[in-house]
Amino acid sequence: MSSKLIVIIGATGNQGGSVASVYLKEPGWKVRALTRDASSTKAQALAAQGAKVIEADIDEPASLPAAFKDANTIFAVSAKQSS
């Protein structure tokens, strides 16, 4: 059986992190964790659990096509940051 790929936008946030935790334990799934800062503590913790951490930003659309490549599923929850 080939694995499926879920891309999680905001993987270092509360909801994205919870989804990542579930899929990292799920046989047959690979996790691509999107974050604005791949060097953050939360991003590094996801990488240590087996996620592929990618820097991407929904406010920079050019960063997204490569991040979404070959995805079977995309999980996205976002909110505009207040200025």
N, C-alpha and C. Protein backbone atom coordinates (compact mmCIF):
# COMPACT_ATOMS: atom_id res chain seq x y z
N MET A 1 0.85 -1.18 0.00
CA MET A 1 0.00 0.00 0.00
C MET A 1 0.89 1.24 0.00
N SER A 2 0.64 2.16 -0.93
CA SER A 2 1.42 3.39 -0.94
C SER A 2 0.84 4.38 0.06
N SER A 3 1.71 5.23 0.60
CA SER A 3 1.22 6.16 1.60
C SER A 3 0.56 7.37 0.95
N LYS A 4 -0.32 7.97 1.73
CA LYS A 4 -0.99 9.19 1.33
C LYS A 4 -0.30 10.35 2.03
N LEU A 5 -0.44 11.53 1.43
CA LEU A 5 0.20 12.72 1.97
C LEU A 5 -0.83 13.75 2.38
N ILE A 6 -0.76 14.18 3.64
CA ILE A 6 -1.57 15.30 4.11
C ILE A 6 -0.65 16.49 4.31
N VAL A 7 -1.05 17.62 3.78
CA VAL A 7 -0.34 18.88 3.98
C VAL A 7 -1.14 19.67 5.00
N ILE A 8 -0.48 20.12 6.05
CA ILE A 8 -1.16 20.82 7.13
C ILE A 8 -0.65 22.25 7.19
N ILE A 9 -1.53 23.18 6.86
CA ILE A 9 -1.20 24.60 6.97
C ILE A 9 -1.33 24.99 8.44
N GLY A 10 -0.33 25.69 8.95
CA GLY A 10 -0.38 26.08 10.35
C GLY A 10 -0.14 24.91 11.28
N ALA A 11 0.77 24.04 10.90
CA ALA A 11 1.00 22.81 11.66
C ALA A 11 1.56 23.06 13.05
N THR A 12 2.11 24.25 13.29
CA THR A 12 2.64 24.54 14.63
C THR A 12 1.61 25.22 15.52
N GLY A 13 0.42 25.45 15.00
CA GLY A 13 -0.65 26.04 15.80
C GLY A 13 -1.42 24.97 16.56
N ASN A 14 -2.42 25.39 17.31
CA ASN A 14 -3.19 24.45 18.14
C ASN A 14 -3.92 23.41 17.30
N GLN A 15 -4.74 23.85 16.35
CA GLN A 15 -5.52 22.89 15.56
C GLN A 15 -4.63 22.11 14.60
N GLY A 16 -3.75 22.80 13.89
CA GLY A 16 -2.86 22.12 12.96
C GLY A 16 -1.95 21.13 13.67
N GLY A 17 -1.47 21.51 14.84
CA GLY A 17 -0.62 20.61 15.61
C GLY A 17 -1.35 19.36 16.06
N SER A 18 -2.62 19.52 16.43
CA SER A 18 -3.42 18.35 16.83
C SER A 18 -3.65 17.42 15.66
N VAL A 19 -3.94 17.98 14.50
CA VAL A 19 -4.14 17.16 13.29
C VAL A 19 -2.84 16.45 12.94
N ALA A 20 -1.73 17.16 13.01
CA ALA A 20 -0.43 16.54 12.70
C ALA A 20 -0.16 15.37 13.64
N SER A 21 -0.42 15.54 14.92
CA SER A 21 -0.18 14.46 15.89
C SER A 21 -0.97 13.21 15.55
N VAL A 22 -2.21 13.38 15.14
CA VAL A 22 -3.05 12.23 14.77
C VAL A 22 -2.49 11.54 13.53
N TYR A 23 -2.20 12.30 12.48
CA TYR A 23 -1.75 11.69 11.23
C TYR A 23 -0.34 11.12 11.32
N LEU A 24 0.50 11.67 12.18
CA LEU A 24 1.84 11.09 12.35
C LEU A 24 1.78 9.69 12.95
N LYS A 25 0.70 9.38 13.65
CA LYS A 25 0.53 8.05 14.25
C LYS A 25 -0.28 7.11 13.35
N GLU A 26 -0.84 7.65 12.28
CA GLU A 26 -1.74 6.89 11.42
C GLU A 26 -0.94 6.15 10.34
N PRO A 27 -1.00 4.81 10.32
CA PRO A 27 -0.28 4.07 9.28
C PRO A 27 -0.77 4.47 7.88
N GLY A 28 0.15 4.55 6.96
CA GLY A 28 -0.22 4.85 5.58
C GLY A 28 -0.29 6.34 5.26
N TRP A 29 0.06 7.19 6.20
CA TRP A 29 0.02 8.64 5.97
C TRP A 29 1.39 9.26 6.22
N LYS A 30 1.75 10.21 5.37
CA LYS A 30 2.92 11.06 5.58
C LYS A 30 2.39 12.47 5.85
N VAL A 31 3.12 13.22 6.66
CA VAL A 31 2.71 14.57 7.03
C VAL A 31 3.72 15.57 6.50
N ARG A 32 3.22 16.56 5.76
CA ARG A 32 4.02 17.72 5.38
C ARG A 32 3.47 18.88 6.19
N ALA A 33 4.28 19.39 7.09
CA ALA A 33 3.87 20.43 8.03
C ALA A 33 4.33 21.80 7.52
N LEU A 34 3.37 22.67 7.22
CA LEU A 34 3.70 24.01 6.75
C LEU A 34 3.74 24.98 7.91
N THR A 35 4.76 25.81 7.91
CA THR A 35 4.94 26.81 8.95
C THR A 35 5.71 27.99 8.37
N ARG A 36 5.57 29.14 8.99
CA ARG A 36 6.34 30.30 8.54
C ARG A 36 7.78 30.23 9.04
N ASP A 37 8.04 29.44 10.08
CA ASP A 37 9.39 29.37 10.66
C ASP A 37 9.75 27.92 10.97
N ALA A 38 10.47 27.30 10.05
CA ALA A 38 10.84 25.89 10.21
C ALA A 38 11.85 25.67 11.32
N SER A 39 12.46 26.73 11.82
CA SER A 39 13.44 26.57 12.89
C SER A 39 12.82 26.71 14.29
N SER A 40 11.51 26.94 14.35
CA SER A 40 10.86 27.10 15.66
C SER A 40 10.88 25.78 16.43
N THR A 41 10.74 25.90 17.73
CA THR A 41 10.73 24.72 18.60
C THR A 41 9.61 23.76 18.21
N LYS A 42 8.42 24.29 17.95
CA LYS A 42 7.29 23.42 17.58
C LYS A 42 7.53 22.73 16.24
N ALA A 43 8.11 23.45 15.28
CA ALA A 43 8.39 22.85 13.98
C ALA A 43 9.43 21.75 14.12
N GLN A 44 10.45 21.98 14.91
CA GLN A 44 11.48 20.97 15.11
C GLN A 44 10.93 19.74 15.83
N ALA A 45 9.99 19.95 16.74
CA ALA A 45 9.35 18.81 17.42
C ALA A 45 8.56 17.97 16.43
N LEU A 46 7.86 18.62 15.50
CA LEU A 46 7.13 17.87 14.47
C LEU A 46 8.08 17.09 13.59
N ALA A 47 9.19 17.71 13.21
CA ALA A 47 10.18 17.02 12.39
C ALA A 47 10.74 15.80 13.11
N ALA A 48 10.97 15.93 14.41
CA ALA A 48 11.49 14.81 15.20
C ALA A 48 10.50 13.66 15.26
N GLN A 49 9.21 13.97 15.10
CA GLN A 49 8.18 12.92 15.11
C GLN A 49 7.96 12.31 13.73
N GLY A 50 8.63 12.86 12.71
CA GLY A 50 8.53 12.28 11.38
C GLY A 50 7.88 13.15 10.33
N ALA A 51 7.45 14.34 10.68
CA ALA A 51 6.85 15.24 9.69
C ALA A 51 7.94 15.88 8.85
N LYS A 52 7.61 16.15 7.59
CA LYS A 52 8.50 16.95 6.75
C LYS A 52 8.05 18.40 6.92
N VAL A 53 8.89 19.22 7.51
CA VAL A 53 8.54 20.61 7.79
C VAL A 53 8.99 21.49 6.64
N ILE A 54 8.05 22.29 6.13
CA ILE A 54 8.31 23.17 4.99
C ILE A 54 7.93 24.60 5.38
N GLU A 55 8.78 25.56 5.03
CA GLU A 55 8.40 26.95 5.23
C GLU A 55 7.52 27.40 4.08
N ALA A 56 6.35 27.90 4.41
CA ALA A 56 5.41 28.44 3.43
C ALA A 56 4.49 29.39 4.17
N ASP A 57 3.90 30.32 3.42
CA ASP A 57 3.05 31.34 4.03
C ASP A 57 1.87 31.60 3.11
N ILE A 58 0.65 31.47 3.63
CA ILE A 58 -0.53 31.69 2.78
C ILE A 58 -0.62 33.14 2.31
N ASP A 59 0.09 34.05 2.95
CA ASP A 59 0.13 35.43 2.48
C ASP A 59 1.15 35.63 1.36
N GLU A 60 1.88 34.58 1.03
CA GLU A 60 2.83 34.58 -0.08
C GLU A 60 2.48 33.42 -1.00
N PRO A 61 1.51 33.63 -1.90
CA PRO A 61 1.00 32.54 -2.73
C PRO A 61 2.06 31.79 -3.53
N ALA A 62 3.15 32.43 -3.88
CA ALA A 62 4.20 31.76 -4.65
C ALA A 62 4.85 30.62 -3.86
N SER A 63 4.70 30.63 -2.53
CA SER A 63 5.31 29.58 -1.70
C SER A 63 4.44 28.32 -1.64
N LEU A 64 3.24 28.38 -2.18
CA LEU A 64 2.29 27.27 -1.96
C LEU A 64 2.32 26.13 -2.98
N PRO A 65 2.50 26.37 -4.28
CA PRO A 65 2.45 25.23 -5.21
C PRO A 65 3.41 24.10 -4.85
N ALA A 66 4.64 24.41 -4.52
CA ALA A 66 5.59 23.36 -4.15
C ALA A 66 5.18 22.68 -2.85
N ALA A 67 4.62 23.45 -1.93
CA ALA A 67 4.20 22.90 -0.64
C ALA A 67 3.04 21.92 -0.81
N PHE A 68 2.17 22.17 -1.79
CA PHE A 68 0.99 21.32 -2.01
C PHE A 68 1.24 20.17 -2.99
N LYS A 69 2.41 20.13 -3.61
CA LYS A 69 2.69 19.13 -4.65
C LYS A 69 2.45 17.71 -4.12
N ASP A 70 1.72 16.94 -4.89
CA ASP A 70 1.43 15.52 -4.62
C ASP A 70 0.56 15.26 -3.39
N ALA A 71 -0.07 16.30 -2.85
CA ALA A 71 -0.92 16.12 -1.66
C ALA A 71 -2.20 15.37 -2.01
N ASN A 72 -2.59 14.46 -1.14
CA ASN A 72 -3.90 13.82 -1.24
C ASN A 72 -4.94 14.61 -0.47
N THR A 73 -4.49 15.26 0.60
CA THR A 73 -5.38 16.01 1.48
C THR A 73 -4.66 17.27 1.95
N ILE A 74 -5.39 18.36 2.06
CA ILE A 74 -4.85 19.60 2.62
C ILE A 74 -5.75 20.01 3.78
N PHE A 75 -5.14 20.24 4.95
CA PHE A 75 -5.87 20.75 6.10
C PHE A 75 -5.47 22.20 6.29
N ALA A 76 -6.47 23.08 6.28
CA ALA A 76 -6.18 24.52 6.38
C ALA A 76 -7.17 25.19 7.31
N VAL A 77 -6.65 25.82 8.33
CA VAL A 77 -7.42 26.70 9.20
C VAL A 77 -6.55 27.94 9.36
N SER A 78 -7.10 29.09 9.07
CA SER A 78 -6.29 30.29 9.20
C SER A 78 -7.13 31.44 9.72
N ALA A 79 -6.44 32.40 10.26
CA ALA A 79 -7.06 33.63 10.72
C ALA A 79 -6.09 34.76 10.42
N LYS A 80 -6.63 35.87 10.07
CA LYS A 80 -5.78 37.03 9.80
C LYS A 80 -5.21 37.53 11.11
N GLN A 81 -3.90 37.72 11.13
CA GLN A 81 -3.28 38.26 12.34
C GLN A 81 -3.63 39.73 12.47
N SER A 82 -3.92 40.15 13.67
CA SER A 82 -4.23 41.56 13.87
C SER A 82 -2.95 42.38 13.79
N SER A 83 -3.09 43.59 13.28
CA SER A 83 -1.89 44.42 13.11
C SER A 83 -1.72 45.40 14.22
